[in-house]
Structures are given as structure tokens and as C-alpha cells.
C-alpha atoms as a PDB file:
ATOM      1  CA  MET A   1     -33.299   3.940  12.529  1.00  0.00           C
ATOM      2  CA  LYS A   2     -30.745   5.586  14.213  1.00  0.00           C
ATOM      3  CA  LYS A   3     -26.986   5.816  12.684  1.00  0.00           C
ATOM      4  CA  THR A   4     -24.112   5.329  14.788  1.00  0.00           C
ATOM      5  CA  ALA A   5     -21.589   7.580  14.349  1.00  0.00           C
ATOM      6  CA  THR A   6     -18.029   6.681  13.609  1.00  0.00           C
ATOM      7  CA  PRO A   7     -15.841   7.042  16.376  1.00  0.00           C
ATOM      8  CA  LYS A   8     -13.195   9.306  16.382  1.00  0.00           C
ATOM      9  CA  LEU A   9      -9.557   8.673  16.218  1.00  0.00           C
ATOM     10  CA  SER A  10      -6.409   9.676  18.277  1.00  0.00           C
ATOM     11  CA  LEU A  11      -3.317  10.107  16.312  1.00  0.00           C
ATOM     12  CA  ASN A  12      -1.620   6.517  18.233  1.00  0.00           C
ATOM     13  CA  GLU A  13      -4.847   5.190  17.634  1.00  0.00           C
ATOM     14  CA  ALA A  14      -4.993   6.275  13.551  1.00  0.00           C
ATOM     15  CA  ILE A  15      -1.383   5.186  13.564  1.00  0.00           C
ATOM     16  CA  ILE A  16      -2.275   1.637  14.450  1.00  0.00           C
ATOM     17  CA  ALA A  17      -4.961   1.478  13.015  1.00  0.00           C
ATOM     18  CA  HIS A  18      -3.228   2.134   9.669  1.00  0.00           C
ATOM     19  CA  LEU A  19      -0.162  -0.583  10.514  1.00  0.00           C
ATOM     20  CA  LEU A  20      -2.947  -2.812  11.308  1.00  0.00           C
ATOM     21  CA  ARG A  21      -5.152  -2.363   7.435  1.00  0.00           C
ATOM     22  CA  GLN A  22      -1.088  -2.719   5.972  1.00  0.00           C
ATOM     23  CA  SER A  23      -0.376  -6.432   7.890  1.00  0.00           C
ATOM     24  CA  SER A  24      -3.936  -7.117   6.738  1.00  0.00           C
ATOM     25  CA  PRO A  25      -4.789 -10.243   7.059  1.00  0.00           C
ATOM     26  CA  ASP A  26      -2.267 -10.879   9.498  1.00  0.00           C
ATOM     27  CA  PRO A  27      -2.611 -10.050  13.035  1.00  0.00           C
ATOM     28  CA  LEU A  28       0.199  -7.932  15.230  1.00  0.00           C
ATOM     29  CA  PHE A  29       0.710  -7.932  18.713  1.00  0.00           C
ATOM     30  CA  GLY A  30       2.067  -4.859  19.978  1.00  0.00           C
ATOM     31  CA  LEU A  31       5.592  -4.714  20.275  1.00  0.00           C
ATOM     32  CA  GLU A  32       5.355  -5.561  16.100  1.00  0.00           C
ATOM     33  CA  LEU A  33       3.621  -2.376  15.870  1.00  0.00           C
ATOM     34  CA  VAL A  34       5.998  -0.086  17.870  1.00  0.00           C
ATOM     35  CA  ARG A  35       8.883  -1.822  15.688  1.00  0.00           C
ATOM     36  CA  ARG A  36       6.922  -1.379  12.381  1.00  0.00           C
ATOM     37  CA  SER A  37       6.197   2.495  13.470  1.00  0.00           C
ATOM     38  CA  SER A  38       9.630   3.046  14.199  1.00  0.00           C
ATOM     39  CA  THR A  39      10.857   3.509  10.858  1.00  0.00           C
ATOM     40  CA  GLY A  40       8.791   6.869  10.101  1.00  0.00           C
ATOM     41  CA  LYS A  41       8.100  10.183  11.917  1.00  0.00           C
ATOM     42  CA  LEU A  42       5.471   9.207  13.957  1.00  0.00           C
ATOM     43  CA  GLN A  43       6.958   6.405  16.304  1.00  0.00           C
ATOM     44  CA  LEU A  44       4.105   4.459  18.761  1.00  0.00           C
ATOM     45  CA  LYS A  45       5.897   4.459  22.227  1.00  0.00           C
ATOM     46  CA  LYS A  46       6.248   0.737  24.249  1.00  0.00           C
ATOM     47  CA  GLY A  47       4.463   2.624  27.230  1.00  0.00           C
ATOM     48  CA  THR A  48       1.093   3.656  25.697  1.00  0.00           C
ATOM     49  CA  ILE A  49       0.570   0.698  23.144  1.00  0.00           C
ATOM     50  CA  TYR A  50      -1.215  -1.431  25.198  1.00  0.00           C
ATOM     51  CA  VAL A  51      -3.220   1.547  26.534  1.00  0.00           C
ATOM     52  CA  THR A  52      -4.071   2.360  23.237  1.00  0.00           C
ATOM     53  CA  LEU A  53      -4.824  -0.988  22.300  1.00  0.00           C
ATOM     54  CA  GLU A  54      -7.301  -1.683  24.808  1.00  0.00           C
ATOM     55  CA  ARG A  55      -9.039   1.713  24.176  1.00  0.00           C
ATOM     56  CA  MET A  56      -9.311   0.915  20.750  1.00  0.00           C
ATOM     57  CA  GLU A  57     -11.023  -2.938  21.425  1.00  0.00           C
ATOM     58  CA  LYS A  58     -13.249  -1.464  23.738  1.00  0.00           C
ATOM     59  CA  LYS A  59     -14.293   0.995  21.129  1.00  0.00           C
ATOM     60  CA  GLY A  60     -14.398  -1.735  18.626  1.00  0.00           C
ATOM     61  CA  LEU A  61     -11.763  -0.767  16.580  1.00  0.00           C
ATOM     62  CA  VAL A  62      -9.900  -3.805  17.097  1.00  0.00           C
ATOM     63  CA  LEU A  63     -10.162  -7.872  18.182  1.00  0.00           C
ATOM     64  CA  SER A  64      -7.733  -9.430  19.709  1.00  0.00           C
ATOM     65  CA  GLU A  65      -6.765 -13.607  20.598  1.00  0.00           C
ATOM     66  CA  LEU A  66      -4.015 -15.355  22.128  1.00  0.00           C
ATOM     67  CA  GLU A  67      -1.990 -16.951  19.413  1.00  0.00           C
ATOM     68  CA  THR A  68      -2.957 -20.389  18.693  1.00  0.00           C
ATOM     69  CA  SER A  69       1.035 -21.596  17.892  1.00  0.00           C
ATOM     70  CA  PRO A  70       4.227 -20.298  18.774  1.00  0.00           C
ATOM     71  CA  PRO A  71       6.240 -17.960  16.229  1.00  0.00           C
ATOM     72  CA  PRO A  72       8.963 -19.938  13.777  1.00  0.00           C
ATOM     73  CA  HIS A  73      11.859 -19.301  15.713  1.00  0.00           C
ATOM     74  CA  ILE A  74      10.624 -20.635  18.818  1.00  0.00           C
ATOM     75  CA  LYS A  75      11.710 -24.067  19.297  1.00  0.00           C
ATOM     76  CA  GLU A  76       9.970 -26.779  20.416  1.00  0.00           C
ATOM     77  CA  GLY A  77      10.423 -27.453  24.524  1.00  0.00           C
ATOM     78  CA  ASP A  78      11.703 -23.468  24.683  1.00  0.00           C
ATOM     79  CA  PHE A  79       9.977 -21.060  27.470  1.00  0.00           C
ATOM     80  CA  TYR A  80       6.826 -19.842  25.535  1.00  0.00           C
ATOM     81  CA  ILE A  81       3.909 -17.210  26.035  1.00  0.00           C
ATOM     82  CA  PRO A  82       1.142 -16.562  23.690  1.00  0.00           C
ATOM     83  CA  ARG A  83       1.268 -12.770  22.613  1.00  0.00           C
ATOM     84  CA  ARG A  84      -1.981 -10.729  21.970  1.00  0.00           C
ATOM     85  CA  MET A  85      -2.419 -10.224  18.334  1.00  0.00           C
ATOM     86  CA  TYR A  86      -4.614  -7.348  16.869  1.00  0.00           C
ATOM     87  CA  ARG A  87      -6.649  -7.126  13.658  1.00  0.00           C
ATOM     88  CA  LEU A  88      -8.747  -4.104  12.973  1.00  0.00           C
ATOM     89  CA  THR A  89     -12.514  -4.802  12.589  1.00  0.00           C
ATOM     90  CA  PRO A  90     -14.678  -3.049  10.242  1.00  0.00           C
ATOM     91  CA  LEU A  91     -15.519  -0.298  12.297  1.00  0.00           C
ATOM     92  CA  GLY A  92     -11.697   0.430  12.633  1.00  0.00           C
ATOM     93  CA  GLU A  93     -11.434   0.389   8.922  1.00  0.00           C
ATOM     94  CA  GLN A  94     -14.252   2.609   8.822  1.00  0.00           C
ATOM     95  CA  ALA A  95     -13.104   5.288  11.327  1.00  0.00           C
ATOM     96  CA  LEU A  96      -9.818   5.190   9.302  1.00  0.00           C
ATOM     97  CA  ALA A  97     -11.281   5.512   5.983  1.00  0.00           C
ATOM     98  CA  GLY A  98     -13.099   8.392   7.009  1.00  0.00           C
ATOM     99  CA  LEU A  99     -10.235  10.103   8.604  1.00  0.00           C
ATOM    100  CA  GLU A 100      -8.557   9.842   5.637  1.00  0.00           C
ATOM    101  CA  GLU A 101     -11.531  11.144   3.570  1.00  0.00           C
ATOM    102  CA  ALA A 102     -11.592  14.303   5.780  1.00  0.00           C
ATOM    103  CA  VAL A 103      -7.980  15.037   5.724  1.00  0.00           C
ATOM    104  CA  ALA A 104      -7.943  14.982   2.107  1.00  0.00           C
ATOM    105  CA  GLN A 105     -10.074  17.796   2.272  1.00  0.00           C
ATOM    106  CA  ILE A 106      -7.912  20.158   3.459  1.00  0.00           C
ATOM    107  CA  PRO A 107      -6.293  21.820   0.920  1.00  0.00           C
ATOM    108  CA  GLY A 108      -2.303  21.335   0.951  1.00  0.00           C
ATOM    109  CA  PHE A 109      -2.318  19.512   3.909  1.00  0.00           C
ATOM    110  CA  LEU A 110      -0.864  16.459   2.107  1.00  0.00           C
ATOM    111  CA  VAL A 111       1.504  18.004  -0.378  1.00  0.00           C
ATOM    112  CA  GLY A 112       5.057  17.451  -0.446  1.00  0.00           C
ATOM    113  CA  SER A 113       4.551  14.799   2.398  1.00  0.00           C
END
């Protein structure tokens, strides 16, 4: 039986995977990922988030679904468009763990971070 290679993550994919893992089991929507990344040095951009999420979904790293109910701040009767919510898949978790393991093998790489 042939073993399937774990997909490699780009920097943006790694940031998204990390943020989705932190929020698990709760899914996140794209602009929330941008907001959560804005506190760090590596920030996601509004213009690339959905392109990256779509690519990750095609690779099987994330799953998406439309919200089934409005967020709490939306009042009954207000206009509401369901957001697409994203979760990390087991393959996405495996890819992130593989990247973390590879980086940990570089002597001194994360020292002083």
C-alpha cells in the first residue's frame, strides 16, 4: 500500500492552520482569521485569505461549511448572510505537526522567539 505524502504548507497556510488549531473545536471565518493574525508579526491579508483557504480546502487541509445560525450580535429580523466557517482536518493537523517537527530540527531556529 502506497503511503500518501503529507502536503507542505506555505507560510500563510501554516498561520491559518495554527489559528484553526488554536480555536478548535470552534470553526473560524476568514475575516476572523485575519483579525486573530493581526496581533502577531506574521499577519494575514484580507486580499489573500479566501484564496488561501480555497487552496487549503482543495488540498484537504481544511473543511468549510456555511453557518447554520446567525452570530449572537445579529438581532432577529436583521439582514444576515451566513458566513463560511473553516475547520482544520486531520490531514491539516498532520501537515502542521510535520512543519513544526521539521522546524524543531533546525538548531537555534526558534531560540529567542
